Amino acid sequence: MANELLLFTLEGCGSCKNLKERLQKESIPYREIEVGRNKEIWNKVIDQTGNEYLPAFYIKKDDTGKGPFFAPQKDFEDDNQAVEIILKYIEKEEGGQ
């Protein structure tokens, strides 16, 4: 089993839509958490990270269930940088299979 990408989005968010389309184009699997319908989870994320910008993502490591959280304007500036980060974490796991 590989690391899991959790993508936090908001309906109507253009940047969220663009990143989802890019992930689909690159055939990168992800689980979407729409924050408008998952306010409790998103509030916990905000409390723990201090981030409230979207799209944001979390790489859930298979071995521990924990992992790094990445936020726009803090960890990446655009979709290209986001995909670069994601591939670094996803490929590490896939390369070992």
N, C-alpha and C. Protein backbone atom coordinates (compact mmCIF):
# COMPACT_ATOMS: atom_id res chain seq x y z
N MET A 1 0.85 -1.19 0.00
CA MET A 1 0.00 0.00 0.00
C MET A 1 0.89 1.24 0.00
N ALA A 2 0.44 2.28 -0.66
CA ALA A 2 1.24 3.49 -0.82
C ALA A 2 0.77 4.59 0.14
N ASN A 3 1.58 5.63 0.21
CA ASN A 3 1.18 6.81 0.96
C ASN A 3 -0.09 7.36 0.31
N GLU A 4 -0.97 7.95 1.13
CA GLU A 4 -2.24 8.46 0.63
C GLU A 4 -2.23 9.98 0.60
N LEU A 5 -2.69 10.54 -0.51
CA LEU A 5 -2.79 11.98 -0.67
C LEU A 5 -4.20 12.42 -0.30
N LEU A 6 -4.31 13.27 0.72
CA LEU A 6 -5.60 13.85 1.11
C LEU A 6 -5.59 15.30 0.64
N LEU A 7 -6.53 15.64 -0.22
CA LEU A 7 -6.59 16.97 -0.80
C LEU A 7 -7.78 17.72 -0.22
N PHE A 8 -7.51 18.84 0.43
CA PHE A 8 -8.55 19.68 1.02
C PHE A 8 -8.97 20.73 0.00
N THR A 9 -10.26 20.76 -0.32
CA THR A 9 -10.78 21.67 -1.33
C THR A 9 -12.06 22.34 -0.84
N LEU A 10 -12.52 23.31 -1.61
CA LEU A 10 -13.78 23.98 -1.33
C LEU A 10 -14.53 24.11 -2.65
N GLU A 11 -15.80 23.75 -2.64
CA GLU A 11 -16.60 23.87 -3.85
C GLU A 11 -16.57 25.32 -4.33
N GLY A 12 -16.35 25.50 -5.63
CA GLY A 12 -16.29 26.84 -6.20
C GLY A 12 -14.91 27.46 -6.17
N CYS A 13 -13.93 26.80 -5.58
CA CYS A 13 -12.55 27.31 -5.50
C CYS A 13 -11.83 27.00 -6.81
N GLY A 14 -11.48 28.03 -7.56
CA GLY A 14 -10.81 27.85 -8.84
C GLY A 14 -9.45 27.17 -8.72
N SER A 15 -8.67 27.55 -7.72
CA SER A 15 -7.35 26.94 -7.52
C SER A 15 -7.49 25.46 -7.17
N CYS A 16 -8.52 25.13 -6.40
CA CYS A 16 -8.78 23.73 -6.03
C CYS A 16 -9.10 22.92 -7.28
N LYS A 17 -9.96 23.47 -8.12
CA LYS A 17 -10.37 22.80 -9.36
C LYS A 17 -9.16 22.57 -10.25
N ASN A 18 -8.30 23.58 -10.37
CA ASN A 18 -7.11 23.46 -11.21
C ASN A 18 -6.16 22.38 -10.72
N LEU A 19 -5.96 22.31 -9.41
CA LEU A 19 -5.05 21.30 -8.87
C LEU A 19 -5.65 19.90 -9.05
N LYS A 20 -6.95 19.75 -8.84
CA LYS A 20 -7.60 18.45 -9.04
C LYS A 20 -7.45 17.99 -10.49
N GLU A 21 -7.65 18.92 -11.43
CA GLU A 21 -7.50 18.59 -12.85
C GLU A 21 -6.07 18.18 -13.16
N ARG A 22 -5.12 18.87 -12.58
CA ARG A 22 -3.71 18.55 -12.80
C ARG A 22 -3.37 17.17 -12.24
N LEU A 23 -3.87 16.84 -11.05
CA LEU A 23 -3.62 15.53 -10.45
C LEU A 23 -4.24 14.43 -11.31
N GLN A 24 -5.43 14.68 -11.84
CA GLN A 24 -6.08 13.69 -12.71
C GLN A 24 -5.28 13.50 -14.00
N LYS A 25 -4.80 14.60 -14.56
CA LYS A 25 -3.99 14.54 -15.78
C LYS A 25 -2.71 13.73 -15.55
N GLU A 26 -2.13 13.88 -14.37
CA GLU A 26 -0.88 13.18 -14.03
C GLU A 26 -1.15 11.77 -13.49
N SER A 27 -2.42 11.38 -13.43
CA SER A 27 -2.84 10.06 -12.88
C SER A 27 -2.34 9.85 -11.45
N ILE A 28 -2.45 10.90 -10.65
CA ILE A 28 -2.07 10.83 -9.24
C ILE A 28 -3.34 10.63 -8.42
N PRO A 29 -3.46 9.50 -7.74
CA PRO A 29 -4.67 9.25 -6.95
C PRO A 29 -4.71 10.13 -5.70
N TYR A 30 -5.90 10.55 -5.34
CA TYR A 30 -6.07 11.36 -4.13
C TYR A 30 -7.45 11.13 -3.56
N ARG A 31 -7.58 11.46 -2.29
CA ARG A 31 -8.90 11.44 -1.64
C ARG A 31 -9.24 12.89 -1.32
N GLU A 32 -10.35 13.34 -1.84
CA GLU A 32 -10.76 14.74 -1.66
C GLU A 32 -11.57 14.90 -0.38
N ILE A 33 -11.24 15.94 0.36
CA ILE A 33 -12.02 16.31 1.54
C ILE A 33 -12.51 17.74 1.29
N GLU A 34 -13.80 17.83 0.96
CA GLU A 34 -14.40 19.12 0.67
C GLU A 34 -14.72 19.78 2.00
N VAL A 35 -14.06 20.90 2.29
CA VAL A 35 -14.13 21.48 3.64
C VAL A 35 -15.50 22.06 3.99
N GLY A 36 -16.30 22.43 2.99
CA GLY A 36 -17.65 22.92 3.26
C GLY A 36 -18.55 21.83 3.84
N ARG A 37 -18.28 20.60 3.47
CA ARG A 37 -19.07 19.47 3.97
C ARG A 37 -18.37 18.73 5.12
N ASN A 38 -17.15 19.14 5.42
CA ASN A 38 -16.35 18.48 6.47
C ASN A 38 -15.74 19.54 7.39
N LYS A 39 -16.60 20.43 7.90
CA LYS A 39 -16.13 21.57 8.69
C LYS A 39 -15.39 21.15 9.95
N GLU A 40 -15.83 20.08 10.58
CA GLU A 40 -15.19 19.62 11.81
C GLU A 40 -13.74 19.21 11.55
N ILE A 41 -13.53 18.44 10.49
CA ILE A 41 -12.17 18.02 10.12
C ILE A 41 -11.33 19.24 9.77
N TRP A 42 -11.89 20.14 8.95
CA TRP A 42 -11.14 21.32 8.51
C TRP A 42 -10.79 22.21 9.70
N ASN A 43 -11.70 22.37 10.65
CA ASN A 43 -11.39 23.17 11.84
C ASN A 43 -10.23 22.58 12.63
N LYS A 44 -10.15 21.24 12.70
CA LYS A 44 -9.02 20.59 13.37
C LYS A 44 -7.73 20.87 12.62
N VAL A 45 -7.79 20.83 11.28
CA VAL A 45 -6.61 21.13 10.46
C VAL A 45 -6.14 22.55 10.73
N ILE A 46 -7.07 23.49 10.74
CA ILE A 46 -6.72 24.90 11.00
C ILE A 46 -6.09 25.04 12.39
N ASP A 47 -6.69 24.40 13.39
CA ASP A 47 -6.15 24.46 14.76
C ASP A 47 -4.73 23.92 14.83
N GLN A 48 -4.48 22.80 14.14
CA GLN A 48 -3.17 22.16 14.23
C GLN A 48 -2.11 22.81 13.36
N THR A 49 -2.51 23.42 12.22
CA THR A 49 -1.52 23.94 11.28
C THR A 49 -1.47 25.46 11.22
N GLY A 50 -2.55 26.11 11.65
CA GLY A 50 -2.61 27.56 11.52
C GLY A 50 -2.91 28.00 10.08
N ASN A 51 -3.19 27.03 9.19
CA ASN A 51 -3.45 27.33 7.80
C ASN A 51 -4.95 27.29 7.53
N GLU A 52 -5.42 28.26 6.73
CA GLU A 52 -6.82 28.20 6.31
C GLU A 52 -6.95 28.48 4.82
N TYR A 53 -5.84 28.30 4.09
CA TYR A 53 -5.84 28.53 2.64
C TYR A 53 -5.99 27.22 1.89
N LEU A 54 -6.61 27.30 0.72
CA LEU A 54 -6.87 26.11 -0.10
C LEU A 54 -6.37 26.34 -1.52
N PRO A 55 -6.08 25.29 -2.24
CA PRO A 55 -6.11 23.88 -1.84
C PRO A 55 -4.90 23.56 -0.97
N ALA A 56 -5.11 22.73 0.01
CA ALA A 56 -4.03 22.26 0.88
C ALA A 56 -4.04 20.74 0.81
N PHE A 57 -2.92 20.12 1.17
CA PHE A 57 -2.91 18.67 1.12
C PHE A 57 -2.02 18.08 2.21
N TYR A 58 -2.33 16.84 2.49
CA TYR A 58 -1.68 16.06 3.55
C TYR A 58 -1.25 14.73 2.94
N ILE A 59 -0.02 14.34 3.20
CA ILE A 59 0.47 13.04 2.74
C ILE A 59 0.43 12.09 3.93
N LYS A 60 -0.53 11.20 3.92
CA LYS A 60 -0.70 10.24 5.02
C LYS A 60 0.20 9.04 4.75
N LYS A 61 1.23 8.89 5.57
CA LYS A 61 2.18 7.80 5.36
C LYS A 61 1.56 6.48 5.78
N ASP A 62 1.75 5.50 4.92
CA ASP A 62 1.15 4.19 5.13
C ASP A 62 1.62 3.53 6.42
N ASP A 63 2.91 3.68 6.73
CA ASP A 63 3.46 2.97 7.89
C ASP A 63 3.03 3.55 9.23
N THR A 64 2.80 4.86 9.30
CA THR A 64 2.48 5.49 10.58
C THR A 64 1.09 6.13 10.62
N GLY A 65 0.52 6.40 9.45
CA GLY A 65 -0.76 7.10 9.40
C GLY A 65 -0.59 8.61 9.58
N LYS A 66 0.64 9.03 9.82
CA LYS A 66 0.94 10.46 9.98
C LYS A 66 1.71 10.93 8.76
N GLY A 67 1.89 12.24 8.66
CA GLY A 67 2.65 12.75 7.53
C GLY A 67 2.64 14.26 7.49
N PRO A 68 3.32 14.81 6.49
CA PRO A 68 3.42 16.27 6.38
C PRO A 68 2.18 16.89 5.75
N PHE A 69 1.94 18.14 6.13
CA PHE A 69 0.84 18.95 5.62
C PHE A 69 1.45 20.08 4.80
N PHE A 70 0.86 20.38 3.65
CA PHE A 70 1.39 21.42 2.77
C PHE A 70 0.29 22.43 2.45
N ALA A 71 0.63 23.71 2.57
CA ALA A 71 -0.33 24.79 2.36
C ALA A 71 0.14 25.73 1.26
N PRO A 72 -0.80 26.27 0.48
CA PRO A 72 -0.44 27.23 -0.56
C PRO A 72 0.11 28.51 0.04
N GLN A 73 1.00 29.13 -0.71
CA GLN A 73 1.68 30.37 -0.32
C GLN A 73 2.67 30.17 0.82
N LYS A 74 2.67 29.00 1.44
CA LYS A 74 3.64 28.69 2.49
C LYS A 74 4.62 27.64 1.97
N ASP A 75 4.08 26.55 1.42
CA ASP A 75 4.91 25.44 0.96
C ASP A 75 5.00 25.35 -0.56
N PHE A 76 4.03 25.91 -1.26
CA PHE A 76 4.06 25.92 -2.72
C PHE A 76 3.33 27.15 -3.24
N GLU A 77 3.77 27.60 -4.44
CA GLU A 77 3.20 28.81 -5.04
C GLU A 77 2.19 28.51 -6.15
N ASP A 78 2.32 27.33 -6.77
CA ASP A 78 1.42 27.01 -7.88
C ASP A 78 1.26 25.50 -8.01
N ASP A 79 0.46 25.09 -8.98
CA ASP A 79 0.17 23.67 -9.19
C ASP A 79 1.44 22.87 -9.49
N ASN A 80 2.35 23.47 -10.27
CA ASN A 80 3.59 22.76 -10.61
C ASN A 80 4.37 22.39 -9.36
N GLN A 81 4.53 23.34 -8.46
CA GLN A 81 5.26 23.07 -7.22
C GLN A 81 4.51 22.07 -6.35
N ALA A 82 3.19 22.15 -6.31
CA ALA A 82 2.39 21.21 -5.52
C ALA A 82 2.58 19.79 -6.05
N VAL A 83 2.49 19.61 -7.36
CA VAL A 83 2.64 18.29 -7.95
C VAL A 83 4.05 17.75 -7.72
N GLU A 84 5.04 18.63 -7.80
CA GLU A 84 6.43 18.23 -7.53
C GLU A 84 6.57 17.65 -6.11
N ILE A 85 6.01 18.34 -5.15
CA ILE A 85 6.04 17.88 -3.75
C ILE A 85 5.32 16.54 -3.62
N ILE A 86 4.13 16.47 -4.19
CA ILE A 86 3.33 15.25 -4.09
C ILE A 86 4.07 14.06 -4.69
N LEU A 87 4.64 14.24 -5.86
CA LEU A 87 5.35 13.15 -6.52
C LEU A 87 6.54 12.66 -5.71
N LYS A 88 7.19 13.59 -5.03
CA LYS A 88 8.34 13.21 -4.20
C LYS A 88 7.90 12.23 -3.11
N TYR A 89 6.75 12.46 -2.52
CA TYR A 89 6.26 11.59 -1.44
C TYR A 89 5.59 10.33 -1.96
N ILE A 90 4.84 10.46 -3.04
CA ILE A 90 4.13 9.31 -3.59
C ILE A 90 5.12 8.35 -4.25
N GLU A 91 6.07 8.88 -5.02
CA GLU A 91 7.04 8.04 -5.73
C GLU A 91 7.95 7.28 -4.80
N LYS A 92 8.31 7.88 -3.69
CA LYS A 92 9.16 7.19 -2.72
C LYS A 92 8.57 5.84 -2.35
N GLU A 93 7.26 5.87 -2.08
CA GLU A 93 6.58 4.65 -1.67
C GLU A 93 6.43 3.68 -2.83
N GLU A 94 6.04 4.19 -4.01
CA GLU A 94 5.80 3.33 -5.15
C GLU A 94 7.10 2.71 -5.66
N GLY A 95 8.20 3.45 -5.55
CA GLY A 95 9.47 2.96 -6.03
C GLY A 95 9.95 1.72 -5.28
N GLY A 96 9.47 1.52 -4.07
CA GLY A 96 9.90 0.40 -3.25
C GLY A 96 9.14 -0.88 -3.51
N GLN A 97 8.12 -0.82 -4.37
CA GLN A 97 7.28 -2.01 -4.60
C GLN A 97 7.93 -2.98 -5.56
